Amino acid sequence: LLCVTYGAGGHNVVNPVAGAYAEQVPLLVVSGGPGEAEQKLAGVHHQAK
């Protein structure tokens, strides 16, 4: 079980999740997300660097 925060927390687990997939390790990822008010106010933005 892996619990992460919305945003940077989710980005930081991409490689570990890929590693678990490659090694066929069962994994459940639970991630937060923006609240309804934030979604309506600003929309959901994708962050790419």
PDB file of N, CA and C in Angstrom:
ATOM      1  N   LEU A   1       0.856  -1.172   0.000  1.00  0.00           N
ATOM      2  CA  LEU A   1       0.000   0.000   0.000  1.00  0.00           C
ATOM      3  C   LEU A   1       0.890   1.219   0.000  1.00  0.00           C
ATOM      4  N   LEU A   2       0.615   2.144  -0.883  1.00  0.00           N
ATOM      5  CA  LEU A   2       1.393   3.371  -1.001  1.00  0.00           C
ATOM      6  C   LEU A   2       0.429   4.546  -1.011  1.00  0.00           C
ATOM      7  N   CYS A   3       0.550   5.437  -0.035  1.00  0.00           N
ATOM      8  CA  CYS A   3      -0.303   6.624   0.047  1.00  0.00           C
ATOM      9  C   CYS A   3       0.544   7.851  -0.247  1.00  0.00           C
ATOM     10  N   VAL A   4       0.089   8.681  -1.179  1.00  0.00           N
ATOM     11  CA  VAL A   4       0.840   9.878  -1.549  1.00  0.00           C
ATOM     12  C   VAL A   4      -0.084  11.082  -1.605  1.00  0.00           C
ATOM     13  N   THR A   5       0.514  12.260  -1.562  1.00  0.00           N
ATOM     14  CA  THR A   5      -0.246  13.495  -1.667  1.00  0.00           C
ATOM     15  C   THR A   5      -0.492  13.828  -3.132  1.00  0.00           C
ATOM     16  N   TYR A   6      -1.409  14.728  -3.362  1.00  0.00           N
ATOM     17  CA  TYR A   6      -1.724  15.208  -4.704  1.00  0.00           C
ATOM     18  C   TYR A   6      -0.566  16.064  -5.210  1.00  0.00           C
ATOM     19  N   GLY A   7      -0.230  15.945  -6.459  1.00  0.00           N
ATOM     20  CA  GLY A   7       0.812  16.780  -7.059  1.00  0.00           C
ATOM     21  C   GLY A   7       2.171  16.117  -7.019  1.00  0.00           C
ATOM     22  N   ALA A   8       3.094  16.776  -6.331  1.00  0.00           N
ATOM     23  CA  ALA A   8       4.482  16.300  -6.309  1.00  0.00           C
ATOM     24  C   ALA A   8       4.606  14.900  -5.717  1.00  0.00           C
ATOM     25  N   GLY A   9       3.791  14.585  -4.736  1.00  0.00           N
ATOM     26  CA  GLY A   9       3.841  13.246  -4.147  1.00  0.00           C
ATOM     27  C   GLY A   9       3.554  12.166  -5.176  1.00  0.00           C
ATOM     28  N   GLY A  10       2.593  12.423  -6.030  1.00  0.00           N
ATOM     29  CA  GLY A  10       2.272  11.466  -7.085  1.00  0.00           C
ATOM     30  C   GLY A  10       3.383  11.336  -8.109  1.00  0.00           C
ATOM     31  N   HIS A  11       4.018  12.454  -8.418  1.00  0.00           N
ATOM     32  CA  HIS A  11       5.122  12.419  -9.387  1.00  0.00           C
ATOM     33  C   HIS A  11       6.318  11.652  -8.842  1.00  0.00           C
ATOM     34  N   ASN A  12       6.542  11.732  -7.552  1.00  0.00           N
ATOM     35  CA  ASN A  12       7.713  11.098  -6.949  1.00  0.00           C
ATOM     36  C   ASN A  12       7.616   9.578  -6.878  1.00  0.00           C
ATOM     37  N   VAL A  13       6.460   9.010  -7.095  1.00  0.00           N
ATOM     38  CA  VAL A  13       6.326   7.553  -6.991  1.00  0.00           C
ATOM     39  C   VAL A  13       6.245   6.850  -8.344  1.00  0.00           C
ATOM     40  N   VAL A  14       6.405   7.580  -9.431  1.00  0.00           N
ATOM     41  CA  VAL A  14       6.303   6.959 -10.754  1.00  0.00           C
ATOM     42  C   VAL A  14       7.350   5.860 -10.927  1.00  0.00           C
ATOM     43  N   ASN A  15       8.605   6.143 -10.637  1.00  0.00           N
ATOM     44  CA  ASN A  15       9.650   5.127 -10.807  1.00  0.00           C
ATOM     45  C   ASN A  15       9.491   3.952  -9.852  1.00  0.00           C
ATOM     46  N   PRO A  16       9.218   4.174  -8.565  1.00  0.00           N
ATOM     47  CA  PRO A  16       8.998   3.014  -7.689  1.00  0.00           C
ATOM     48  C   PRO A  16       7.814   2.140  -8.126  1.00  0.00           C
ATOM     49  N   VAL A  17       6.762   2.758  -8.617  1.00  0.00           N
ATOM     50  CA  VAL A  17       5.612   1.981  -9.091  1.00  0.00           C
ATOM     51  C   VAL A  17       6.001   1.179 -10.336  1.00  0.00           C
ATOM     52  N   ALA A  18       6.765   1.792 -11.235  1.00  0.00           N
ATOM     53  CA  ALA A  18       7.233   1.071 -12.423  1.00  0.00           C
ATOM     54  C   ALA A  18       8.120  -0.106 -12.020  1.00  0.00           C
ATOM     55  N   GLY A  19       8.964   0.091 -11.016  1.00  0.00           N
ATOM     56  CA  GLY A  19       9.813  -0.992 -10.533  1.00  0.00           C
ATOM     57  C   GLY A  19       9.007  -2.137  -9.950  1.00  0.00           C
ATOM     58  N   ALA A  20       7.986  -1.798  -9.178  1.00  0.00           N
ATOM     59  CA  ALA A  20       7.121  -2.833  -8.605  1.00  0.00           C
ATOM     60  C   ALA A  20       6.403  -3.597  -9.713  1.00  0.00           C
ATOM     61  N   TYR A  21       5.965  -2.880 -10.735  1.00  0.00           N
ATOM     62  CA  TYR A  21       5.302  -3.531 -11.873  1.00  0.00           C
ATOM     63  C   TYR A  21       6.265  -4.485 -12.582  1.00  0.00           C
ATOM     64  N   ALA A  22       7.495  -4.017 -12.812  1.00  0.00           N
ATOM     65  CA  ALA A  22       8.490  -4.835 -13.508  1.00  0.00           C
ATOM     66  C   ALA A  22       8.824  -6.104 -12.728  1.00  0.00           C
ATOM     67  N   GLU A  23       8.813  -5.997 -11.411  1.00  0.00           N
ATOM     68  CA  GLU A  23       9.129  -7.149 -10.564  1.00  0.00           C
ATOM     69  C   GLU A  23       7.892  -7.958 -10.187  1.00  0.00           C
ATOM     70  N   GLN A  24       6.736  -7.572 -10.732  1.00  0.00           N
ATOM     71  CA  GLN A  24       5.457  -8.236 -10.484  1.00  0.00           C
ATOM     72  C   GLN A  24       5.103  -8.254  -8.998  1.00  0.00           C
ATOM     73  N   VAL A  25       5.346  -7.119  -8.340  1.00  0.00           N
ATOM     74  CA  VAL A  25       5.012  -6.960  -6.925  1.00  0.00           C
ATOM     75  C   VAL A  25       3.641  -6.293  -6.839  1.00  0.00           C
ATOM     76  N   PRO A  26       2.678  -6.906  -6.172  1.00  0.00           N
ATOM     77  CA  PRO A  26       1.364  -6.271  -6.032  1.00  0.00           C
ATOM     78  C   PRO A  26       1.487  -4.951  -5.272  1.00  0.00           C
ATOM     79  N   LEU A  27       0.791  -3.940  -5.746  1.00  0.00           N
ATOM     80  CA  LEU A  27       0.896  -2.615  -5.145  1.00  0.00           C
ATOM     81  C   LEU A  27      -0.416  -1.874  -5.329  1.00  0.00           C
ATOM     82  N   LEU A  28      -0.868  -1.233  -4.283  1.00  0.00           N
ATOM     83  CA  LEU A  28      -2.053  -0.387  -4.336  1.00  0.00           C
ATOM     84  C   LEU A  28      -1.610   1.028  -4.027  1.00  0.00           C
ATOM     85  N   VAL A  29      -1.865   1.959  -4.947  1.00  0.00           N
ATOM     86  CA  VAL A  29      -1.486   3.357  -4.759  1.00  0.00           C
ATOM     87  C   VAL A  29      -2.743   4.168  -4.487  1.00  0.00           C
ATOM     88  N   VAL A  30      -2.731   4.915  -3.388  1.00  0.00           N
ATOM     89  CA  VAL A  30      -3.833   5.802  -3.026  1.00  0.00           C
ATOM     90  C   VAL A  30      -3.287   7.218  -3.065  1.00  0.00           C
ATOM     91  N   SER A  31      -3.897   8.063  -3.894  1.00  0.00           N
ATOM     92  CA  SER A  31      -3.412   9.428  -4.065  1.00  0.00           C
ATOM     93  C   SER A  31      -4.528  10.419  -3.784  1.00  0.00           C
ATOM     94  N   GLY A  32      -4.143  11.532  -3.200  1.00  0.00           N
ATOM     95  CA  GLY A  32      -5.096  12.618  -2.988  1.00  0.00           C
ATOM     96  C   GLY A  32      -5.378  13.328  -4.300  1.00  0.00           C
ATOM     97  N   GLY A  33      -6.298  14.250  -4.263  1.00  0.00           N
ATOM     98  CA  GLY A  33      -6.638  15.026  -5.452  1.00  0.00           C
ATOM     99  C   GLY A  33      -7.202  16.371  -5.050  1.00  0.00           C
ATOM    100  N   PRO A  34      -7.371  17.265  -6.013  1.00  0.00           N
ATOM    101  CA  PRO A  34      -7.921  18.579  -5.696  1.00  0.00           C
ATOM    102  C   PRO A  34      -9.381  18.468  -5.271  1.00  0.00           C
ATOM    103  N   GLY A  35      -9.798  19.353  -4.391  1.00  0.00           N
ATOM    104  CA  GLY A  35     -11.189  19.382  -3.968  1.00  0.00           C
ATOM    105  C   GLY A  35     -12.091  19.880  -5.083  1.00  0.00           C
ATOM    106  N   GLU A  36     -13.390  19.695  -4.910  1.00  0.00           N
ATOM    107  CA  GLU A  36     -14.342  20.107  -5.943  1.00  0.00           C
ATOM    108  C   GLU A  36     -14.274  21.598  -6.214  1.00  0.00           C
ATOM    109  N   ALA A  37     -14.132  22.398  -5.159  1.00  0.00           N
ATOM    110  CA  ALA A  37     -14.074  23.849  -5.339  1.00  0.00           C
ATOM    111  C   ALA A  37     -12.854  24.244  -6.168  1.00  0.00           C
ATOM    112  N   GLU A  38     -11.723  23.622  -5.887  1.00  0.00           N
ATOM    113  CA  GLU A  38     -10.504  23.929  -6.645  1.00  0.00           C
ATOM    114  C   GLU A  38     -10.646  23.510  -8.107  1.00  0.00           C
ATOM    115  N   GLN A  39     -11.275  22.377  -8.338  1.00  0.00           N
ATOM    116  CA  GLN A  39     -11.475  21.918  -9.714  1.00  0.00           C
ATOM    117  C   GLN A  39     -12.342  22.895 -10.492  1.00  0.00           C
ATOM    118  N   LYS A  40     -13.389  23.398  -9.855  1.00  0.00           N
ATOM    119  CA  LYS A  40     -14.293  24.326 -10.531  1.00  0.00           C
ATOM    120  C   LYS A  40     -13.651  25.693 -10.719  1.00  0.00           C
ATOM    121  N   LEU A  41     -12.856  26.124  -9.753  1.00  0.00           N
ATOM    122  CA  LEU A  41     -12.247  27.449  -9.801  1.00  0.00           C
ATOM    123  C   LEU A  41     -11.118  27.519 -10.820  1.00  0.00           C
ATOM    124  N   ALA A  42     -10.191  26.593 -10.738  1.00  0.00           N
ATOM    125  CA  ALA A  42      -8.986  26.677 -11.561  1.00  0.00           C
ATOM    126  C   ALA A  42      -8.872  25.555 -12.580  1.00  0.00           C
ATOM    127  N   GLY A  43      -9.722  24.580 -12.499  1.00  0.00           N
ATOM    128  CA  GLY A  43      -9.564  23.430 -13.373  1.00  0.00           C
ATOM    129  C   GLY A  43      -8.416  22.560 -12.885  1.00  0.00           C
ATOM    130  N   VAL A  44      -8.213  21.464 -13.534  1.00  0.00           N
ATOM    131  CA  VAL A  44      -7.124  20.562 -13.165  1.00  0.00           C
ATOM    132  C   VAL A  44      -6.009  20.765 -14.181  1.00  0.00           C
ATOM    133  N   HIS A  45      -4.827  21.092 -13.692  1.00  0.00           N
ATOM    134  CA  HIS A  45      -3.686  21.380 -14.562  1.00  0.00           C
ATOM    135  C   HIS A  45      -2.707  20.220 -14.538  1.00  0.00           C
ATOM    136  N   HIS A  46      -2.167  19.907 -15.687  1.00  0.00           N
ATOM    137  CA  HIS A  46      -1.120  18.889 -15.782  1.00  0.00           C
ATOM    138  C   HIS A  46       0.214  19.606 -15.675  1.00  0.00           C
ATOM    139  N   GLN A  47       1.089  19.093 -14.842  1.00  0.00           N
ATOM    140  CA  GLN A  47       2.394  19.719 -14.647  1.00  0.00           C
ATOM    141  C   GLN A  47       3.447  18.901 -15.370  1.00  0.00           C
ATOM    142  N   ALA A  48       4.167  19.532 -16.263  1.00  0.00           N
ATOM    143  CA  ALA A  48       5.261  18.858 -16.970  1.00  0.00           C
ATOM    144  C   ALA A  48       6.507  19.725 -16.865  1.00  0.00           C
ATOM    145  N   LYS A  49       7.619  19.075 -16.625  1.00  0.00           N
ATOM    146  CA  LYS A  49       8.879  19.827 -16.519  1.00  0.00           C
ATOM    147  C   LYS A  49       9.839  19.361 -17.575  1.00  0.00           C
TER     148      LYS A  49
END
